[in-house]
Amino acid sequence: MSKVISWDQYFMGVAKLSAYRSKDPNTQVGACIVTPEHKIVGVGYNGLPWGCEDDEFPWANREGDMYDTKYPYVVHAELNAILNSIQKLVGCRIYVSLFPCHECVKAIIQSGIKEIVYEDDKYSDTPSDKAAKRMLDAAGVKYTKMNRFDIDIK
């Protein structure tokens, strides 16, 4: 009998595979938006906006004057997946390799996504994380941590 992965593993696998498109040398993040019928309607990774050349922006800089860091330029995976979506997202789930920041949570809530499934929570208990979870709780958006997994295809 062949090995069959779960829907959660499949969609998280798509999110994690998408993360490999990111040129961020520190944190590669991917996202995958799915309808209740298990159809993928949006995929994204953290990267620069269209038309912004990677070699012209400070990818590696994480400290110093904000203008000289990557932070004001990078579009997060969740927002890219929302912007890349091919339909309205009301009632959808988003699979993301890293728990969303408070800015992405605003876009998730506004888009109508009803559940976040995430794998990594490395920024847990930071002010951004606390604000994000406060908004999600208030808006009734469910968030579920998924155990880390590796797919062994043989």
N, C-alpha and C. Protein backbone atom coordinates (compact mmCIF):
# COMPACT_ATOMS: atom_id res chain seq x y z
N MET A 1 0.84 -1.19 0.00
CA MET A 1 0.00 0.00 0.00
C MET A 1 0.88 1.25 0.00
N SER A 2 0.51 2.23 -0.79
CA SER A 2 1.31 3.45 -0.87
C SER A 2 1.04 4.37 0.32
N LYS A 3 2.00 5.22 0.58
CA LYS A 3 1.89 6.20 1.65
C LYS A 3 1.09 7.39 1.14
N VAL A 4 0.10 7.83 1.91
CA VAL A 4 -0.70 8.99 1.55
C VAL A 4 -0.59 10.02 2.66
N ILE A 5 -0.20 11.23 2.29
CA ILE A 5 -0.11 12.29 3.30
C ILE A 5 -1.49 12.92 3.49
N SER A 6 -1.67 13.56 4.64
CA SER A 6 -2.94 14.22 4.94
C SER A 6 -3.06 15.52 4.14
N TRP A 7 -4.28 16.07 4.09
CA TRP A 7 -4.48 17.37 3.44
C TRP A 7 -3.60 18.42 4.11
N ASP A 8 -3.55 18.42 5.45
CA ASP A 8 -2.72 19.40 6.16
C ASP A 8 -1.26 19.27 5.76
N GLN A 9 -0.76 18.06 5.68
CA GLN A 9 0.64 17.85 5.27
C GLN A 9 0.86 18.31 3.83
N TYR A 10 -0.10 18.01 2.97
CA TYR A 10 0.00 18.41 1.58
C TYR A 10 0.09 19.93 1.44
N PHE A 11 -0.84 20.64 2.06
CA PHE A 11 -0.88 22.10 1.91
C PHE A 11 0.28 22.78 2.63
N MET A 12 0.70 22.23 3.77
CA MET A 12 1.88 22.79 4.43
C MET A 12 3.12 22.51 3.58
N GLY A 13 3.14 21.36 2.92
CA GLY A 13 4.24 21.06 2.01
C GLY A 13 4.32 22.06 0.86
N VAL A 14 3.16 22.46 0.32
CA VAL A 14 3.14 23.47 -0.74
C VAL A 14 3.66 24.80 -0.20
N ALA A 15 3.23 25.16 1.01
CA ALA A 15 3.71 26.41 1.63
C ALA A 15 5.23 26.37 1.83
N LYS A 16 5.72 25.25 2.35
CA LYS A 16 7.17 25.13 2.60
C LYS A 16 7.97 25.11 1.30
N LEU A 17 7.44 24.47 0.28
CA LEU A 17 8.11 24.46 -1.02
C LEU A 17 8.16 25.88 -1.60
N SER A 18 7.08 26.63 -1.45
CA SER A 18 7.04 28.01 -1.93
C SER A 18 8.09 28.87 -1.25
N ALA A 19 8.37 28.58 0.01
CA ALA A 19 9.37 29.36 0.77
C ALA A 19 10.74 29.32 0.09
N TYR A 20 11.02 28.25 -0.62
CA TYR A 20 12.32 28.12 -1.29
C TYR A 20 12.50 29.14 -2.43
N ARG A 21 11.43 29.82 -2.84
CA ARG A 21 11.54 30.88 -3.85
C ARG A 21 12.07 32.17 -3.23
N SER A 22 11.99 32.29 -1.91
CA SER A 22 12.43 33.52 -1.24
C SER A 22 13.94 33.64 -1.27
N LYS A 23 14.41 34.86 -1.51
CA LYS A 23 15.85 35.12 -1.52
C LYS A 23 16.33 35.66 -0.18
N ASP A 24 15.45 35.68 0.81
CA ASP A 24 15.82 36.17 2.14
C ASP A 24 16.86 35.23 2.74
N PRO A 25 18.04 35.73 3.08
CA PRO A 25 19.09 34.86 3.61
C PRO A 25 18.86 34.40 5.05
N ASN A 26 17.89 35.00 5.74
CA ASN A 26 17.66 34.66 7.15
C ASN A 26 16.38 33.87 7.40
N THR A 27 15.29 34.28 6.77
CA THR A 27 14.00 33.64 7.04
C THR A 27 13.23 33.48 5.74
N GLN A 28 13.10 32.26 5.28
CA GLN A 28 12.30 31.97 4.10
C GLN A 28 10.93 31.49 4.58
N VAL A 29 9.88 32.16 4.12
CA VAL A 29 8.52 31.82 4.55
C VAL A 29 7.66 31.60 3.32
N GLY A 30 6.78 30.60 3.39
CA GLY A 30 5.84 30.33 2.32
C GLY A 30 4.43 30.23 2.87
N ALA A 31 3.45 30.49 1.99
CA ALA A 31 2.04 30.44 2.38
C ALA A 31 1.22 29.83 1.26
N CYS A 32 0.14 29.15 1.64
CA CYS A 32 -0.76 28.50 0.69
C CYS A 32 -2.19 28.69 1.21
N ILE A 33 -3.06 29.27 0.38
CA ILE A 33 -4.45 29.50 0.76
C ILE A 33 -5.32 28.46 0.08
N VAL A 34 -6.26 27.89 0.86
CA VAL A 34 -7.05 26.75 0.41
C VAL A 34 -8.53 26.97 0.73
N THR A 35 -9.39 26.58 -0.20
CA THR A 35 -10.83 26.66 0.04
C THR A 35 -11.28 25.51 0.94
N PRO A 36 -12.51 25.59 1.47
CA PRO A 36 -13.03 24.46 2.25
C PRO A 36 -13.11 23.16 1.44
N GLU A 37 -13.11 23.28 0.11
CA GLU A 37 -13.16 22.10 -0.77
C GLU A 37 -11.78 21.59 -1.14
N HIS A 38 -10.74 22.07 -0.45
CA HIS A 38 -9.35 21.63 -0.65
C HIS A 38 -8.77 22.05 -1.99
N LYS A 39 -9.15 23.21 -2.48
CA LYS A 39 -8.58 23.74 -3.71
C LYS A 39 -7.64 24.89 -3.37
N ILE A 40 -6.45 24.88 -3.93
CA ILE A 40 -5.47 25.94 -3.71
C ILE A 40 -5.88 27.16 -4.53
N VAL A 41 -6.00 28.32 -3.86
CA VAL A 41 -6.43 29.54 -4.56
C VAL A 41 -5.40 30.67 -4.43
N GLY A 42 -4.33 30.44 -3.71
CA GLY A 42 -3.29 31.46 -3.59
C GLY A 42 -2.03 30.89 -2.97
N VAL A 43 -0.89 31.30 -3.47
CA VAL A 43 0.40 30.85 -2.95
C VAL A 43 1.33 32.06 -2.93
N GLY A 44 2.20 32.12 -1.93
CA GLY A 44 3.14 33.23 -1.88
C GLY A 44 4.36 32.91 -1.04
N TYR A 45 5.37 33.75 -1.16
CA TYR A 45 6.58 33.64 -0.34
C TYR A 45 7.06 35.06 -0.07
N ASN A 46 7.94 35.23 0.92
CA ASN A 46 8.42 36.56 1.23
C ASN A 46 9.44 37.00 0.19
N GLY A 47 9.16 38.16 -0.39
CA GLY A 47 10.03 38.69 -1.43
C GLY A 47 9.74 40.15 -1.71
N LEU A 48 10.50 40.70 -2.62
CA LEU A 48 10.33 42.10 -2.98
C LEU A 48 9.15 42.27 -3.94
N PRO A 49 8.56 43.47 -3.99
CA PRO A 49 7.47 43.72 -4.94
C PRO A 49 7.97 43.61 -6.38
N TRP A 50 7.02 43.38 -7.29
CA TRP A 50 7.34 43.31 -8.71
C TRP A 50 8.10 44.56 -9.12
N GLY A 51 9.11 44.38 -9.94
CA GLY A 51 9.87 45.50 -10.46
C GLY A 51 11.04 45.93 -9.59
N CYS A 52 11.12 45.42 -8.37
CA CYS A 52 12.23 45.74 -7.47
C CYS A 52 13.27 44.63 -7.59
N GLU A 53 14.43 44.97 -8.08
CA GLU A 53 15.48 43.97 -8.30
C GLU A 53 16.15 43.59 -6.98
N ASP A 54 16.28 42.30 -6.77
CA ASP A 54 16.83 41.78 -5.51
C ASP A 54 18.20 42.33 -5.16
N ASP A 55 19.05 42.53 -6.16
CA ASP A 55 20.41 42.97 -5.89
C ASP A 55 20.50 44.48 -5.59
N GLU A 56 19.38 45.19 -5.66
CA GLU A 56 19.37 46.62 -5.38
C GLU A 56 18.85 46.95 -3.99
N PHE A 57 18.50 45.93 -3.21
CA PHE A 57 17.92 46.15 -1.88
C PHE A 57 18.71 45.38 -0.82
N PRO A 58 18.69 45.86 0.42
CA PRO A 58 19.53 45.30 1.49
C PRO A 58 18.95 44.04 2.14
N TRP A 59 18.96 42.91 1.44
CA TRP A 59 18.40 41.66 1.95
C TRP A 59 19.02 41.22 3.28
N ALA A 60 20.31 41.33 3.40
CA ALA A 60 21.00 40.76 4.57
C ALA A 60 20.93 41.67 5.79
N ASN A 61 20.63 42.93 5.61
CA ASN A 61 20.64 43.86 6.75
C ASN A 61 19.38 43.73 7.59
N ARG A 62 19.58 43.45 8.89
CA ARG A 62 18.46 43.33 9.82
C ARG A 62 18.51 44.37 10.92
N GLU A 63 19.60 45.12 10.98
CA GLU A 63 19.75 46.13 12.04
C GLU A 63 20.24 47.43 11.43
N GLY A 64 20.03 48.51 12.17
CA GLY A 64 20.46 49.83 11.72
C GLY A 64 19.26 50.67 11.31
N ASP A 65 19.54 51.73 10.56
CA ASP A 65 18.49 52.61 10.06
C ASP A 65 17.51 51.78 9.22
N MET A 66 16.22 51.95 9.45
CA MET A 66 15.21 51.14 8.77
C MET A 66 15.38 51.17 7.25
N TYR A 67 15.71 52.30 6.68
CA TYR A 67 15.90 52.44 5.24
C TYR A 67 16.96 51.48 4.71
N ASP A 68 17.94 51.17 5.55
CA ASP A 68 19.05 50.31 5.16
C ASP A 68 18.84 48.84 5.53
N THR A 69 17.64 48.48 6.00
CA THR A 69 17.33 47.09 6.32
C THR A 69 16.34 46.54 5.28
N LYS A 70 16.07 45.25 5.36
CA LYS A 70 15.14 44.61 4.43
C LYS A 70 13.67 44.92 4.78
N TYR A 71 13.40 45.31 6.01
CA TYR A 71 12.03 45.36 6.53
C TYR A 71 11.05 46.26 5.79
N PRO A 72 11.44 47.45 5.34
CA PRO A 72 10.42 48.25 4.65
C PRO A 72 10.14 47.80 3.22
N TYR A 73 10.89 46.85 2.70
CA TYR A 73 10.79 46.47 1.30
C TYR A 73 10.14 45.11 1.05
N VAL A 74 10.23 44.20 2.00
CA VAL A 74 9.78 42.83 1.78
C VAL A 74 8.27 42.70 1.94
N VAL A 75 7.65 42.02 0.98
CA VAL A 75 6.24 41.65 1.07
C VAL A 75 6.22 40.25 1.68
N HIS A 76 5.51 40.10 2.79
CA HIS A 76 5.48 38.80 3.47
C HIS A 76 4.70 37.76 2.66
N ALA A 77 4.98 36.50 2.92
CA ALA A 77 4.38 35.39 2.20
C ALA A 77 2.85 35.42 2.26
N GLU A 78 2.31 35.72 3.43
CA GLU A 78 0.85 35.72 3.60
C GLU A 78 0.20 36.78 2.72
N LEU A 79 0.77 37.98 2.72
CA LEU A 79 0.21 39.05 1.89
C LEU A 79 0.39 38.72 0.41
N ASN A 80 1.52 38.16 0.02
CA ASN A 80 1.71 37.75 -1.37
C ASN A 80 0.67 36.71 -1.77
N ALA A 81 0.39 35.74 -0.90
CA ALA A 81 -0.61 34.72 -1.22
C ALA A 81 -1.99 35.35 -1.38
N ILE A 82 -2.32 36.32 -0.52
CA ILE A 82 -3.60 37.01 -0.64
C ILE A 82 -3.66 37.80 -1.94
N LEU A 83 -2.60 38.54 -2.24
CA LEU A 83 -2.57 39.34 -3.46
C LEU A 83 -2.55 38.47 -4.72
N ASN A 84 -1.99 37.26 -4.63
CA ASN A 84 -1.92 36.34 -5.76
C ASN A 84 -3.17 35.47 -5.90
N SER A 85 -4.11 35.61 -4.99
CA SER A 85 -5.28 34.72 -4.98
C SER A 85 -6.14 34.92 -6.23
N ILE A 86 -6.83 33.86 -6.60
CA ILE A 86 -7.62 33.87 -7.82
C ILE A 86 -9.12 33.96 -7.55
N GLN A 87 -9.49 34.15 -6.29
CA GLN A 87 -10.91 34.28 -5.96
C GLN A 87 -11.04 34.95 -4.60
N LYS A 88 -12.27 35.23 -4.19
CA LYS A 88 -12.51 35.76 -2.85
C LYS A 88 -12.09 34.68 -1.84
N LEU A 89 -11.63 35.12 -0.68
CA LEU A 89 -11.04 34.20 0.28
C LEU A 89 -11.90 33.94 1.50
N VAL A 90 -13.13 34.40 1.50
CA VAL A 90 -14.03 34.21 2.63
C VAL A 90 -14.19 32.72 2.92
N GLY A 91 -13.90 32.33 4.16
CA GLY A 91 -14.04 30.95 4.59
C GLY A 91 -12.85 30.06 4.32
N CYS A 92 -11.79 30.61 3.70
CA CYS A 92 -10.60 29.81 3.37
C CYS A 92 -9.69 29.61 4.59
N ARG A 93 -8.71 28.71 4.42
CA ARG A 93 -7.62 28.49 5.38
C ARG A 93 -6.33 28.93 4.73
N ILE A 94 -5.41 29.42 5.55
CA ILE A 94 -4.07 29.73 5.05
C ILE A 94 -3.08 28.86 5.82
N TYR A 95 -2.23 28.18 5.07
CA TYR A 95 -1.14 27.39 5.63
C TYR A 95 0.11 28.23 5.49
N VAL A 96 0.84 28.40 6.58
CA VAL A 96 2.02 29.24 6.54
C VAL A 96 3.12 28.60 7.39
N SER A 97 4.33 28.66 6.88
CA SER A 97 5.44 27.99 7.58
C SER A 97 5.83 28.69 8.88
N LEU A 98 5.51 30.00 9.00
CA LEU A 98 5.84 30.78 10.20
C LEU A 98 4.60 31.56 10.60
N PHE A 99 4.28 31.57 11.90
CA PHE A 99 3.09 32.28 12.37
C PHE A 99 3.14 33.73 11.89
N PRO A 100 2.03 34.26 11.38
CA PRO A 100 2.03 35.59 10.79
C PRO A 100 2.27 36.72 11.80
N CYS A 101 2.87 37.79 11.30
CA CYS A 101 3.06 39.01 12.09
C CYS A 101 1.73 39.75 12.20
N HIS A 102 1.69 40.76 13.03
CA HIS A 102 0.46 41.52 13.23
C HIS A 102 -0.02 42.22 11.95
N GLU A 103 0.89 42.65 11.09
CA GLU A 103 0.49 43.30 9.84
C GLU A 103 -0.19 42.29 8.90
N CYS A 104 0.37 41.10 8.79
CA CYS A 104 -0.23 40.08 7.93
C CYS A 104 -1.56 39.61 8.48
N VAL A 105 -1.66 39.55 9.81
CA VAL A 105 -2.92 39.15 10.43
C VAL A 105 -4.05 40.11 10.05
N LYS A 106 -3.75 41.39 9.97
CA LYS A 106 -4.78 42.36 9.55
C LYS A 106 -5.30 42.01 8.15
N ALA A 107 -4.39 41.70 7.23
CA ALA A 107 -4.79 41.34 5.87
C ALA A 107 -5.55 40.02 5.85
N ILE A 108 -5.12 39.07 6.66
CA ILE A 108 -5.81 37.77 6.75
C ILE A 108 -7.24 37.97 7.22
N ILE A 109 -7.42 38.74 8.28
CA ILE A 109 -8.76 38.99 8.81
C ILE A 109 -9.62 39.71 7.77
N GLN A 110 -9.07 40.78 7.17
CA GLN A 110 -9.83 41.57 6.20
C GLN A 110 -10.22 40.77 4.96
N SER A 111 -9.42 39.77 4.60
CA SER A 111 -9.71 38.97 3.40
C SER A 111 -10.81 37.95 3.64
N GLY A 112 -11.13 37.68 4.90
CA GLY A 112 -12.18 36.71 5.21
C GLY A 112 -11.67 35.31 5.50
N ILE A 113 -10.36 35.12 5.52
CA ILE A 113 -9.78 33.82 5.87
C ILE A 113 -10.21 33.49 7.30
N LYS A 114 -10.63 32.25 7.52
CA LYS A 114 -11.18 31.85 8.82
C LYS A 114 -10.25 30.99 9.66
N GLU A 115 -9.15 30.51 9.08
CA GLU A 115 -8.24 29.67 9.86
C GLU A 115 -6.81 29.81 9.35
N ILE A 116 -5.88 29.83 10.30
CA ILE A 116 -4.45 29.83 10.01
C ILE A 116 -3.89 28.52 10.53
N VAL A 117 -3.18 27.78 9.68
CA VAL A 117 -2.46 26.59 10.11
C VAL A 117 -0.98 26.93 9.91
N TYR A 118 -0.21 26.84 10.99
CA TYR A 118 1.19 27.25 10.92
C TYR A 118 2.07 26.17 11.54
N GLU A 119 3.36 26.23 11.20
CA GLU A 119 4.29 25.23 11.71
C GLU A 119 5.25 25.80 12.74
N ASP A 120 5.80 26.96 12.49
CA ASP A 120 6.81 27.55 13.37
C ASP A 120 6.24 28.77 14.07
N ASP A 121 6.57 28.94 15.33
CA ASP A 121 6.10 30.07 16.13
C ASP A 121 7.29 30.72 16.83
N LYS A 122 8.38 30.94 16.08
CA LYS A 122 9.61 31.40 16.70
C LYS A 122 9.52 32.79 17.31
N TYR A 123 8.51 33.57 16.94
CA TYR A 123 8.35 34.91 17.53
C TYR A 123 7.27 34.93 18.60
N SER A 124 6.93 33.77 19.14
CA SER A 124 5.90 33.66 20.18
C SER A 124 6.20 34.59 21.34
N ASP A 125 5.17 35.23 21.84
CA ASP A 125 5.22 36.13 23.00
C ASP A 125 5.92 37.46 22.73
N THR A 126 6.26 37.76 21.50
CA THR A 126 6.77 39.10 21.18
C THR A 126 5.57 40.05 21.11
N PRO A 127 5.79 41.35 21.16
CA PRO A 127 4.65 42.28 21.03
C PRO A 127 3.85 42.07 19.75
N SER A 128 4.52 41.81 18.62
CA SER A 128 3.81 41.56 17.36
C SER A 128 2.94 40.31 17.46
N ASP A 129 3.46 39.26 18.04
CA ASP A 129 2.73 38.01 18.20
C ASP A 129 1.51 38.20 19.10
N LYS A 130 1.70 38.89 20.19
CA LYS A 130 0.59 39.13 21.12
C LYS A 130 -0.51 39.95 20.46
N ALA A 131 -0.12 41.00 19.71
CA ALA A 131 -1.10 41.81 19.00
C ALA A 131 -1.83 40.99 17.94
N ALA A 132 -1.09 40.15 17.22
CA ALA A 132 -1.69 39.31 16.19
C ALA A 132 -2.73 38.38 16.80
N LYS A 133 -2.37 37.70 17.86
CA LYS A 133 -3.30 36.74 18.49
C LYS A 133 -4.49 37.45 19.13
N ARG A 134 -4.28 38.65 19.63
CA ARG A 134 -5.40 39.42 20.20
C ARG A 134 -6.41 39.74 19.10
N MET A 135 -5.92 40.18 17.93
CA MET A 135 -6.83 40.48 16.81
C MET A 135 -7.52 39.23 16.30
N LEU A 136 -6.78 38.13 16.17
CA LEU A 136 -7.37 36.89 15.68
C LEU A 136 -8.47 36.40 16.62
N ASP A 137 -8.21 36.46 17.92
CA ASP A 137 -9.21 36.04 18.90
C ASP A 137 -10.46 36.92 18.81
N ALA A 138 -10.26 38.23 18.70
CA ALA A 138 -11.38 39.16 18.62
C ALA A 138 -12.20 38.93 17.36
N ALA A 139 -11.53 38.60 16.26
CA ALA A 139 -12.20 38.41 14.96
C ALA A 139 -12.74 37.00 14.77
N GLY A 140 -12.44 36.10 15.70
CA GLY A 140 -12.92 34.72 15.58
C GLY A 140 -12.20 33.90 14.53
N VAL A 141 -10.94 34.27 14.25
CA VAL A 141 -10.14 33.49 13.30
C VAL A 141 -9.35 32.46 14.09
N LYS A 142 -9.53 31.21 13.72
CA LYS A 142 -8.87 30.09 14.40
C LYS A 142 -7.41 30.01 13.95
N TYR A 143 -6.52 29.65 14.86
CA TYR A 143 -5.13 29.39 14.49
C TYR A 143 -4.66 28.12 15.17
N THR A 144 -4.04 27.26 14.36
CA THR A 144 -3.66 25.91 14.80
C THR A 144 -2.21 25.65 14.47
N LYS A 145 -1.45 25.25 15.47
CA LYS A 145 -0.05 24.87 15.25
C LYS A 145 -0.01 23.43 14.77
N MET A 146 0.71 23.22 13.70
CA MET A 146 0.86 21.88 13.13
C MET A 146 2.24 21.36 13.49
N ASN A 147 2.32 20.10 13.84
CA ASN A 147 3.63 19.52 14.14
C ASN A 147 4.51 19.53 12.90
N ARG A 148 5.78 19.80 13.12
CA ARG A 148 6.75 19.79 12.01
C ARG A 148 6.84 18.38 11.44
N PHE A 149 6.95 18.29 10.14
CA PHE A 149 7.04 16.97 9.51
C PHE A 149 7.97 17.03 8.31
N ASP A 150 8.46 15.88 7.94
CA ASP A 150 9.24 15.72 6.72
C ASP A 150 8.53 14.67 5.88
N ILE A 151 8.50 14.89 4.59
CA ILE A 151 7.88 13.92 3.70
C ILE A 151 8.95 12.97 3.20
N ASP A 152 8.75 11.70 3.46
CA ASP A 152 9.67 10.66 3.00
C ASP A 152 9.01 9.93 1.85
N ILE A 153 9.41 10.25 0.63
CA ILE A 153 8.80 9.64 -0.54
C ILE A 153 9.72 8.54 -1.05
N LYS A 154 9.23 7.32 -1.01
CA LYS A 154 10.03 6.18 -1.46
C LYS A 154 9.16 5.23 -2.24
